[in-house]
Amino acid sequence: MSADGQFTEQQIASAQAKIDARKRFESVFPLLVDELLSYLQSIGLPQNAIEWYKNVLPTSTNPG
């Protein structure tokens, strides 16, 4: 923040870049999950382990 309590253009740009990067990641994350689940099936991982991944992965990117 600048001396007058305002955010600088650089700070705003940096924050926006982080937001944009997260949106890009979130847009491809489902594809990564599908690829991982397909791979786990192809190597014969037990179904209960695959189900565990299905339940855990979608929530792993939620902040907090």
C-alpha atoms as a PDB file:
ATOM      1  CA  MET A   1       0.000   0.000   0.000  1.00  0.00           C
ATOM      2  CA  SER A   2       1.205   3.487  -0.690  1.00  0.00           C
ATOM      3  CA  ALA A   3       1.648   6.130   1.984  1.00  0.00           C
ATOM      4  CA  ASP A   4      -1.857   7.442   1.360  1.00  0.00           C
ATOM      5  CA  GLY A   5      -3.430   4.019   1.993  1.00  0.00           C
ATOM      6  CA  GLN A   6      -4.051   3.205  -1.671  1.00  0.00           C
ATOM      7  CA  PHE A   7      -2.862   0.131  -3.507  1.00  0.00           C
ATOM      8  CA  THR A   8      -0.231   0.774  -6.147  1.00  0.00           C
ATOM      9  CA  GLU A   9      -0.725  -0.234  -9.765  1.00  0.00           C
ATOM     10  CA  GLN A  10       2.012  -2.836  -9.317  1.00  0.00           C
ATOM     11  CA  GLN A  11       0.214  -4.379  -6.333  1.00  0.00           C
ATOM     12  CA  ILE A  12      -3.065  -4.479  -8.229  1.00  0.00           C
ATOM     13  CA  ALA A  13      -1.379  -6.036 -11.268  1.00  0.00           C
ATOM     14  CA  SER A  14       0.322  -8.634  -9.072  1.00  0.00           C
ATOM     15  CA  ALA A  15      -2.944  -9.551  -7.375  1.00  0.00           C
ATOM     16  CA  GLN A  16      -4.710  -9.824 -10.729  1.00  0.00           C
ATOM     17  CA  ALA A  17      -1.931 -12.046 -12.092  1.00  0.00           C
ATOM     18  CA  LYS A  18      -2.398 -14.407  -9.132  1.00  0.00           C
ATOM     19  CA  ILE A  19      -6.153 -14.486  -9.691  1.00  0.00           C
ATOM     20  CA  ASP A  20      -5.657 -15.229 -13.387  1.00  0.00           C
ATOM     21  CA  ALA A  21      -3.134 -18.003 -12.659  1.00  0.00           C
ATOM     22  CA  ARG A  22      -5.522 -19.657 -10.223  1.00  0.00           C
ATOM     23  CA  LYS A  23      -8.360 -19.504 -12.762  1.00  0.00           C
ATOM     24  CA  ARG A  24      -6.141 -21.154 -15.385  1.00  0.00           C
ATOM     25  CA  PHE A  25      -5.193 -23.897 -12.934  1.00  0.00           C
ATOM     26  CA  GLU A  26      -8.796 -24.464 -11.888  1.00  0.00           C
ATOM     27  CA  SER A  27      -9.805 -24.742 -15.539  1.00  0.00           C
ATOM     28  CA  VAL A  28      -7.408 -27.657 -16.163  1.00  0.00           C
ATOM     29  CA  PHE A  29      -7.607 -29.352 -12.756  1.00  0.00           C
ATOM     30  CA  PRO A  30     -10.546 -31.606 -13.715  1.00  0.00           C
ATOM     31  CA  LEU A  31      -8.497 -32.855 -16.679  1.00  0.00           C
ATOM     32  CA  LEU A  32      -5.589 -33.658 -14.366  1.00  0.00           C
ATOM     33  CA  VAL A  33      -7.901 -35.554 -12.033  1.00  0.00           C
ATOM     34  CA  ASP A  34      -9.301 -37.576 -14.946  1.00  0.00           C
ATOM     35  CA  GLU A  35      -5.798 -38.389 -16.164  1.00  0.00           C
ATOM     36  CA  LEU A  36      -4.712 -39.498 -12.709  1.00  0.00           C
ATOM     37  CA  LEU A  37      -7.788 -41.661 -12.178  1.00  0.00           C
ATOM     38  CA  SER A  38      -7.315 -43.289 -15.589  1.00  0.00           C
ATOM     39  CA  TYR A  39      -3.693 -44.009 -14.783  1.00  0.00           C
ATOM     40  CA  LEU A  40      -4.543 -45.469 -11.386  1.00  0.00           C
ATOM     41  CA  GLN A  41      -7.069 -47.784 -13.033  1.00  0.00           C
ATOM     42  CA  SER A  42      -4.548 -48.794 -15.694  1.00  0.00           C
ATOM     43  CA  ILE A  43      -2.027 -49.932 -13.070  1.00  0.00           C
ATOM     44  CA  GLY A  44      -4.652 -51.950 -11.236  1.00  0.00           C
ATOM     45  CA  LEU A  45      -5.055 -49.869  -8.111  1.00  0.00           C
ATOM     46  CA  PRO A  46      -7.915 -51.253  -6.021  1.00  0.00           C
ATOM     47  CA  GLN A  47     -11.270 -49.575  -6.650  1.00  0.00           C
ATOM     48  CA  ASN A  48     -11.596 -48.404  -3.043  1.00  0.00           C
ATOM     49  CA  ALA A  49      -8.311 -46.483  -3.417  1.00  0.00           C
ATOM     50  CA  ILE A  50      -9.516 -44.932  -6.671  1.00  0.00           C
ATOM     51  CA  GLU A  51     -12.741 -43.903  -4.937  1.00  0.00           C
ATOM     52  CA  TRP A  52     -10.674 -42.285  -2.196  1.00  0.00           C
ATOM     53  CA  TYR A  53      -8.870 -40.184  -4.798  1.00  0.00           C
ATOM     54  CA  LYS A  54     -12.198 -39.236  -6.397  1.00  0.00           C
ATOM     55  CA  ASN A  55     -13.439 -38.004  -3.022  1.00  0.00           C
ATOM     56  CA  VAL A  56     -10.284 -36.175  -1.989  1.00  0.00           C
ATOM     57  CA  LEU A  57      -8.956 -34.504  -5.132  1.00  0.00           C
ATOM     58  CA  PRO A  58     -11.824 -32.140  -5.962  1.00  0.00           C
ATOM     59  CA  THR A  59     -11.625 -30.557  -2.491  1.00  0.00           C
ATOM     60  CA  SER A  60      -7.852 -30.313  -2.344  1.00  0.00           C
ATOM     61  CA  THR A  61      -7.737 -26.962  -4.118  1.00  0.00           C
ATOM     62  CA  ASN A  62     -10.312 -25.250  -1.928  1.00  0.00           C
ATOM     63  CA  PRO A  63      -8.645 -22.561   0.184  1.00  0.00           C
ATOM     64  CA  GLY A  64      -9.052 -22.688   3.925  1.00  0.00           C
END
